[in-house]
Amino acid sequence: MRKPTGVLLTMVFVIGGCASEINRYPAQLSRMNPPQETIYVASQTVSVHLDSGYERSIKAGTEFVDLGAITQGRVLKPTNAVFTVEGAHMHEAYPVVSSGRLVGFYLPVEKSFSPLTESINLPLEAKELPQ
């Protein structure tokens, strides 16, 4: 009797090669009213290791505006870059910061929060918007 090792190996590679879906939870964004007139600038490049196994960077000089808040922290919308988080799919993502630490990402299309297992320091400098 012939063993179906080729089929088994193919199934292992196909199943093992699929990226896992990112963890995300519904989140209600409370927008700032009136909008804040401050831009936050990343003062150094920060590497972010996503729970899905992918890595992203927030580069020094990236500018953000404070979009509002969710339960987990402040939602910062990038103004000169586009961020995504990736698992089985790619999702547009805005950093969520609490006490100066990146705790996860707000996914605006899905209206959800994707947490990081470990928060990381995200050094930001504030500068006023030109009037």
N, C-alpha and C. Protein backbone atom coordinates (compact mmCIF):
# COMPACT_ATOMS: atom_id res chain seq x y z
N MET A 1 0.84 -1.18 0.00
CA MET A 1 0.00 0.00 0.00
C MET A 1 0.89 1.25 0.00
N ARG A 2 0.55 2.18 -0.83
CA ARG A 2 1.33 3.41 -0.99
C ARG A 2 0.90 4.47 0.03
N LYS A 3 1.87 5.12 0.67
CA LYS A 3 1.55 6.15 1.66
C LYS A 3 1.33 7.49 0.95
N PRO A 4 0.32 8.23 1.33
CA PRO A 4 0.05 9.53 0.69
C PRO A 4 0.89 10.65 1.27
N THR A 5 2.22 10.44 1.35
CA THR A 5 3.09 11.45 1.97
C THR A 5 3.13 12.75 1.18
N GLY A 6 3.09 12.66 -0.13
CA GLY A 6 3.11 13.88 -0.94
C GLY A 6 1.90 14.75 -0.66
N VAL A 7 0.73 14.14 -0.55
CA VAL A 7 -0.49 14.89 -0.26
C VAL A 7 -0.43 15.48 1.14
N LEU A 8 0.05 14.68 2.09
CA LEU A 8 0.15 15.17 3.47
C LEU A 8 1.12 16.34 3.57
N LEU A 9 2.26 16.23 2.93
CA LEU A 9 3.24 17.33 2.97
C LEU A 9 2.68 18.59 2.32
N THR A 10 1.99 18.42 1.21
CA THR A 10 1.38 19.58 0.55
C THR A 10 0.38 20.26 1.47
N MET A 11 -0.46 19.47 2.14
CA MET A 11 -1.46 20.04 3.06
C MET A 11 -0.78 20.77 4.21
N VAL A 12 0.30 20.22 4.74
CA VAL A 12 1.02 20.86 5.84
C VAL A 12 1.57 22.21 5.39
N PHE A 13 2.17 22.26 4.21
CA PHE A 13 2.74 23.51 3.71
C PHE A 13 1.65 24.54 3.42
N VAL A 14 0.54 24.11 2.87
CA VAL A 14 -0.56 25.04 2.55
C VAL A 14 -1.15 25.59 3.84
N ILE A 15 -1.44 24.73 4.79
CA ILE A 15 -2.04 25.19 6.05
C ILE A 15 -1.03 26.00 6.85
N GLY A 16 0.20 25.54 6.93
CA GLY A 16 1.23 26.25 7.68
C GLY A 16 1.64 27.56 7.04
N GLY A 17 1.49 27.67 5.73
CA GLY A 17 1.90 28.88 5.02
C GLY A 17 0.89 29.99 5.07
N CYS A 18 -0.33 29.72 5.52
CA CYS A 18 -1.36 30.76 5.59
C CYS A 18 -1.11 31.65 6.79
N ALA A 19 -1.20 32.94 6.58
CA ALA A 19 -1.04 33.89 7.68
C ALA A 19 -2.29 33.86 8.55
N SER A 20 -2.09 34.01 9.84
CA SER A 20 -3.23 34.02 10.74
C SER A 20 -3.92 35.38 10.70
N GLU A 21 -5.18 35.38 11.02
CA GLU A 21 -5.94 36.62 11.10
C GLU A 21 -5.46 37.40 12.31
N ILE A 22 -5.45 38.72 12.21
CA ILE A 22 -5.02 39.52 13.35
C ILE A 22 -6.15 39.56 14.39
N ASN A 23 -5.76 39.67 15.65
CA ASN A 23 -6.76 39.84 16.71
C ASN A 23 -7.30 41.25 16.62
N ARG A 24 -8.60 41.39 16.68
CA ARG A 24 -9.21 42.71 16.69
C ARG A 24 -10.54 42.64 17.42
N TYR A 25 -10.88 43.78 18.02
CA TYR A 25 -12.08 43.88 18.84
C TYR A 25 -12.81 45.16 18.48
N PRO A 26 -14.13 45.15 18.47
CA PRO A 26 -14.88 46.38 18.17
C PRO A 26 -14.44 47.52 19.08
N ALA A 27 -14.35 48.72 18.50
CA ALA A 27 -13.92 49.90 19.27
C ALA A 27 -14.72 51.10 18.81
N GLN A 28 -15.22 51.87 19.77
CA GLN A 28 -15.98 53.08 19.48
C GLN A 28 -15.05 54.28 19.58
N LEU A 29 -14.83 54.96 18.46
CA LEU A 29 -13.96 56.14 18.43
C LEU A 29 -14.75 57.37 18.84
N SER A 30 -14.26 58.07 19.85
CA SER A 30 -14.83 59.36 20.26
C SER A 30 -13.94 60.43 19.65
N ARG A 31 -14.46 61.13 18.67
CA ARG A 31 -13.66 62.15 17.96
C ARG A 31 -13.55 63.41 18.80
N MET A 32 -12.45 64.13 18.58
CA MET A 32 -12.23 65.39 19.27
C MET A 32 -13.08 66.47 18.61
N ASN A 33 -13.70 67.30 19.43
CA ASN A 33 -14.52 68.38 18.90
C ASN A 33 -14.30 69.61 19.77
N PRO A 34 -13.69 70.68 19.33
CA PRO A 34 -13.14 70.88 17.99
C PRO A 34 -11.84 70.09 17.82
N PRO A 35 -11.42 69.88 16.57
CA PRO A 35 -10.18 69.13 16.34
C PRO A 35 -8.99 69.81 17.01
N GLN A 36 -8.07 69.00 17.48
CA GLN A 36 -6.87 69.49 18.13
C GLN A 36 -5.96 70.16 17.10
N GLU A 37 -5.26 71.20 17.52
CA GLU A 37 -4.39 71.93 16.61
C GLU A 37 -2.92 71.65 16.87
N THR A 38 -2.62 70.40 17.15
CA THR A 38 -1.24 69.98 17.42
C THR A 38 -0.90 68.82 16.50
N ILE A 39 0.32 68.84 15.99
CA ILE A 39 0.84 67.71 15.23
C ILE A 39 1.86 67.02 16.12
N TYR A 40 1.83 65.70 16.14
CA TYR A 40 2.82 64.92 16.88
C TYR A 40 3.77 64.30 15.87
N VAL A 41 5.07 64.38 16.17
CA VAL A 41 6.09 63.88 15.25
C VAL A 41 6.90 62.79 15.97
N ALA A 42 7.05 61.63 15.31
CA ALA A 42 7.88 60.57 15.88
C ALA A 42 9.33 61.05 15.87
N SER A 43 9.95 61.07 17.04
CA SER A 43 11.31 61.61 17.14
C SER A 43 12.39 60.57 16.82
N GLN A 44 12.01 59.31 16.74
CA GLN A 44 12.95 58.27 16.33
C GLN A 44 12.18 57.13 15.68
N THR A 45 12.86 56.33 14.88
CA THR A 45 12.23 55.18 14.23
C THR A 45 12.00 54.09 15.26
N VAL A 46 10.81 53.50 15.21
CA VAL A 46 10.42 52.45 16.14
C VAL A 46 10.00 51.22 15.33
N SER A 47 10.56 50.07 15.65
CA SER A 47 10.16 48.81 15.01
C SER A 47 9.04 48.18 15.83
N VAL A 48 8.03 47.73 15.10
CA VAL A 48 6.86 47.14 15.75
C VAL A 48 6.73 45.71 15.27
N HIS A 49 6.78 44.76 16.20
CA HIS A 49 6.60 43.35 15.87
C HIS A 49 5.14 43.00 16.12
N LEU A 50 4.42 42.74 15.03
CA LEU A 50 3.00 42.42 15.14
C LEU A 50 2.82 40.97 15.61
N ASP A 51 1.73 40.71 16.30
CA ASP A 51 1.45 39.36 16.79
C ASP A 51 1.28 38.37 15.64
N SER A 52 0.96 38.86 14.44
CA SER A 52 0.79 38.00 13.28
C SER A 52 2.12 37.51 12.71
N GLY A 53 3.23 38.02 13.26
CA GLY A 53 4.55 37.61 12.79
C GLY A 53 5.20 38.62 11.86
N TYR A 54 4.46 39.62 11.41
CA TYR A 54 5.00 40.64 10.53
C TYR A 54 5.64 41.75 11.35
N GLU A 55 6.49 42.54 10.70
CA GLU A 55 7.13 43.67 11.36
C GLU A 55 6.84 44.93 10.57
N ARG A 56 6.62 46.01 11.28
CA ARG A 56 6.41 47.32 10.69
C ARG A 56 7.32 48.32 11.38
N SER A 57 7.52 49.47 10.74
CA SER A 57 8.31 50.54 11.34
C SER A 57 7.51 51.83 11.30
N ILE A 58 7.63 52.58 12.37
CA ILE A 58 7.14 53.96 12.38
C ILE A 58 8.41 54.78 12.30
N LYS A 59 8.60 55.44 11.17
CA LYS A 59 9.85 56.14 10.90
C LYS A 59 9.91 57.49 11.61
N ALA A 60 11.11 57.88 12.00
CA ALA A 60 11.33 59.20 12.58
C ALA A 60 10.84 60.24 11.58
N GLY A 61 10.17 61.27 12.07
CA GLY A 61 9.63 62.31 11.21
C GLY A 61 8.19 62.08 10.78
N THR A 62 7.64 60.90 11.09
CA THR A 62 6.24 60.65 10.76
C THR A 62 5.37 61.57 11.60
N GLU A 63 4.42 62.23 10.95
CA GLU A 63 3.54 63.18 11.64
C GLU A 63 2.16 62.57 11.85
N PHE A 64 1.57 62.92 13.00
CA PHE A 64 0.25 62.42 13.37
C PHE A 64 -0.62 63.56 13.89
N VAL A 65 -1.93 63.42 13.72
CA VAL A 65 -2.88 64.28 14.41
C VAL A 65 -3.69 63.38 15.34
N ASP A 66 -4.11 63.95 16.45
CA ASP A 66 -4.92 63.21 17.42
C ASP A 66 -6.34 63.16 16.89
N LEU A 67 -6.78 61.96 16.51
CA LEU A 67 -8.10 61.78 15.91
C LEU A 67 -9.19 61.68 16.97
N GLY A 68 -8.83 61.22 18.15
CA GLY A 68 -9.80 61.01 19.22
C GLY A 68 -9.34 59.88 20.11
N ALA A 69 -10.29 59.25 20.79
CA ALA A 69 -9.92 58.21 21.74
C ALA A 69 -10.82 57.00 21.63
N ILE A 70 -10.24 55.86 21.99
CA ILE A 70 -11.00 54.64 22.24
C ILE A 70 -10.65 54.23 23.66
N THR A 71 -11.27 53.22 24.18
CA THR A 71 -11.02 52.80 25.56
C THR A 71 -9.54 52.56 25.83
N GLN A 72 -8.81 52.04 24.85
CA GLN A 72 -7.41 51.66 25.05
C GLN A 72 -6.43 52.82 24.97
N GLY A 73 -6.84 53.99 24.44
CA GLY A 73 -5.92 55.11 24.37
C GLY A 73 -6.28 56.10 23.27
N ARG A 74 -5.35 57.00 22.97
CA ARG A 74 -5.52 58.03 21.94
C ARG A 74 -5.23 57.44 20.57
N VAL A 75 -6.05 57.78 19.59
CA VAL A 75 -5.88 57.31 18.22
C VAL A 75 -5.18 58.41 17.43
N LEU A 76 -4.00 58.08 16.88
CA LEU A 76 -3.21 59.05 16.13
C LEU A 76 -3.26 58.70 14.64
N LYS A 77 -3.77 59.64 13.85
CA LYS A 77 -3.87 59.41 12.41
C LYS A 77 -2.62 59.97 11.73
N PRO A 78 -1.89 59.13 10.99
CA PRO A 78 -0.71 59.64 10.29
C PRO A 78 -1.12 60.59 9.16
N THR A 79 -0.35 61.67 8.99
CA THR A 79 -0.67 62.65 7.95
C THR A 79 0.29 62.57 6.77
N ASN A 80 1.46 61.97 6.96
CA ASN A 80 2.44 61.90 5.87
C ASN A 80 2.91 60.47 5.61
N ALA A 81 2.11 59.49 6.01
CA ALA A 81 2.45 58.09 5.80
C ALA A 81 1.15 57.27 5.87
N VAL A 82 1.22 56.06 5.38
CA VAL A 82 0.10 55.13 5.49
C VAL A 82 0.63 53.90 6.22
N PHE A 83 -0.10 53.47 7.25
CA PHE A 83 0.29 52.29 8.01
C PHE A 83 -0.71 51.18 7.76
N THR A 84 -0.19 49.96 7.75
CA THR A 84 -1.05 48.78 7.66
C THR A 84 -0.57 47.76 8.68
N VAL A 85 -1.50 46.93 9.11
CA VAL A 85 -1.15 45.73 9.86
C VAL A 85 -1.56 44.57 8.98
N GLU A 86 -0.83 43.48 9.12
CA GLU A 86 -1.04 42.38 8.20
C GLU A 86 -1.13 41.06 8.95
N GLY A 87 -2.09 40.27 8.52
CA GLY A 87 -2.27 38.90 8.98
C GLY A 87 -2.71 38.14 7.74
N ALA A 88 -3.90 37.56 7.78
CA ALA A 88 -4.44 36.94 6.57
C ALA A 88 -4.81 38.01 5.55
N HIS A 89 -5.06 39.23 6.02
CA HIS A 89 -5.41 40.36 5.16
C HIS A 89 -4.63 41.58 5.63
N MET A 90 -4.58 42.61 4.79
CA MET A 90 -3.96 43.88 5.18
C MET A 90 -5.05 44.84 5.62
N HIS A 91 -4.78 45.62 6.67
CA HIS A 91 -5.74 46.56 7.22
C HIS A 91 -5.06 47.91 7.40
N GLU A 92 -5.70 49.00 6.97
CA GLU A 92 -5.20 50.33 7.29
C GLU A 92 -5.23 50.45 8.80
N ALA A 93 -4.21 51.10 9.37
CA ALA A 93 -4.09 51.12 10.83
C ALA A 93 -3.56 52.46 11.33
N TYR A 94 -4.15 52.94 12.43
CA TYR A 94 -3.70 54.15 13.10
C TYR A 94 -3.14 53.74 14.47
N PRO A 95 -1.97 54.21 14.84
CA PRO A 95 -1.42 53.88 16.15
C PRO A 95 -2.34 54.33 17.30
N VAL A 96 -2.40 53.51 18.34
CA VAL A 96 -3.12 53.84 19.56
C VAL A 96 -2.08 53.94 20.67
N VAL A 97 -2.04 55.11 21.33
CA VAL A 97 -1.01 55.41 22.32
C VAL A 97 -1.66 55.67 23.68
N SER A 98 -1.06 55.09 24.70
CA SER A 98 -1.50 55.32 26.08
C SER A 98 -0.25 55.53 26.93
N SER A 99 -0.18 56.63 27.64
CA SER A 99 0.96 56.96 28.51
C SER A 99 2.29 56.88 27.76
N GLY A 100 2.32 57.38 26.52
CA GLY A 100 3.54 57.41 25.74
C GLY A 100 3.96 56.08 25.13
N ARG A 101 3.09 55.08 25.23
CA ARG A 101 3.42 53.74 24.71
C ARG A 101 2.42 53.35 23.63
N LEU A 102 2.94 52.74 22.58
CA LEU A 102 2.11 52.19 21.52
C LEU A 102 1.50 50.89 22.04
N VAL A 103 0.16 50.85 22.15
CA VAL A 103 -0.51 49.68 22.71
C VAL A 103 -1.20 48.84 21.65
N GLY A 104 -1.32 49.38 20.44
CA GLY A 104 -1.98 48.64 19.36
C GLY A 104 -2.36 49.59 18.24
N PHE A 105 -3.31 49.16 17.43
CA PHE A 105 -3.73 49.94 16.27
C PHE A 105 -5.24 49.98 16.16
N TYR A 106 -5.74 51.16 15.78
CA TYR A 106 -7.16 51.32 15.46
C TYR A 106 -7.30 51.07 13.97
N LEU A 107 -8.23 50.21 13.61
CA LEU A 107 -8.49 49.88 12.20
C LEU A 107 -9.74 50.65 11.78
N PRO A 108 -9.57 51.78 11.06
CA PRO A 108 -10.71 52.66 10.78
C PRO A 108 -11.79 52.04 9.89
N VAL A 109 -11.43 51.20 8.96
CA VAL A 109 -12.43 50.58 8.09
C VAL A 109 -13.29 49.60 8.88
N GLU A 110 -12.64 48.82 9.73
CA GLU A 110 -13.35 47.81 10.52
C GLU A 110 -13.93 48.37 11.82
N LYS A 111 -13.52 49.61 12.16
CA LYS A 111 -13.91 50.23 13.43
C LYS A 111 -13.60 49.28 14.60
N SER A 112 -12.32 48.88 14.63
CA SER A 112 -11.90 47.93 15.67
C SER A 112 -10.48 48.25 16.14
N PHE A 113 -10.10 47.60 17.23
CA PHE A 113 -8.79 47.77 17.85
C PHE A 113 -8.04 46.45 17.76
N SER A 114 -6.78 46.53 17.32
CA SER A 114 -5.90 45.36 17.27
C SER A 114 -4.76 45.60 18.25
N PRO A 115 -4.75 44.87 19.38
CA PRO A 115 -3.74 45.12 20.41
C PRO A 115 -2.39 44.50 20.07
N LEU A 116 -1.34 45.06 20.65
CA LEU A 116 -0.02 44.44 20.64
C LEU A 116 0.09 43.62 21.93
N THR A 117 0.76 42.49 21.87
CA THR A 117 0.96 41.69 23.08
C THR A 117 1.77 42.48 24.10
N GLU A 118 2.80 43.18 23.60
CA GLU A 118 3.63 44.02 24.46
C GLU A 118 3.64 45.43 23.91
N SER A 119 3.31 46.39 24.75
CA SER A 119 3.36 47.79 24.32
C SER A 119 4.82 48.21 24.18
N ILE A 120 5.06 49.23 23.35
CA ILE A 120 6.42 49.72 23.16
C ILE A 120 6.43 51.24 23.25
N ASN A 121 7.56 51.78 23.64
CA ASN A 121 7.71 53.23 23.76
C ASN A 121 7.63 53.86 22.37
N LEU A 122 6.82 54.92 22.25
CA LEU A 122 6.71 55.66 21.00
C LEU A 122 6.99 57.12 21.31
N PRO A 123 8.27 57.55 21.16
CA PRO A 123 8.61 58.93 21.48
C PRO A 123 8.03 59.91 20.46
N LEU A 124 7.21 60.84 20.95
CA LEU A 124 6.56 61.83 20.11
C LEU A 124 6.88 63.23 20.62
N GLU A 125 7.04 64.14 19.68
CA GLU A 125 7.22 65.55 20.03
C GLU A 125 6.01 66.30 19.47
N ALA A 126 5.48 67.23 20.26
CA ALA A 126 4.33 68.02 19.83
C ALA A 126 4.77 69.30 19.18
N LYS A 127 4.09 69.68 18.10
CA LYS A 127 4.33 70.99 17.51
C LYS A 127 2.98 71.54 17.08
N GLU A 128 2.84 72.84 17.23
CA GLU A 128 1.57 73.51 16.91
C GLU A 128 1.37 73.59 15.40
N LEU A 129 0.13 73.45 14.98
CA LEU A 129 -0.19 73.65 13.56
C LEU A 129 -0.04 75.12 13.21
N PRO A 130 0.43 75.41 12.00
CA PRO A 130 0.51 76.82 11.59
C PRO A 130 -0.88 77.42 11.48
N GLN A 131 -1.02 78.68 11.89
CA GLN A 131 -2.34 79.32 11.86
C GLN A 131 -2.51 80.15 10.62
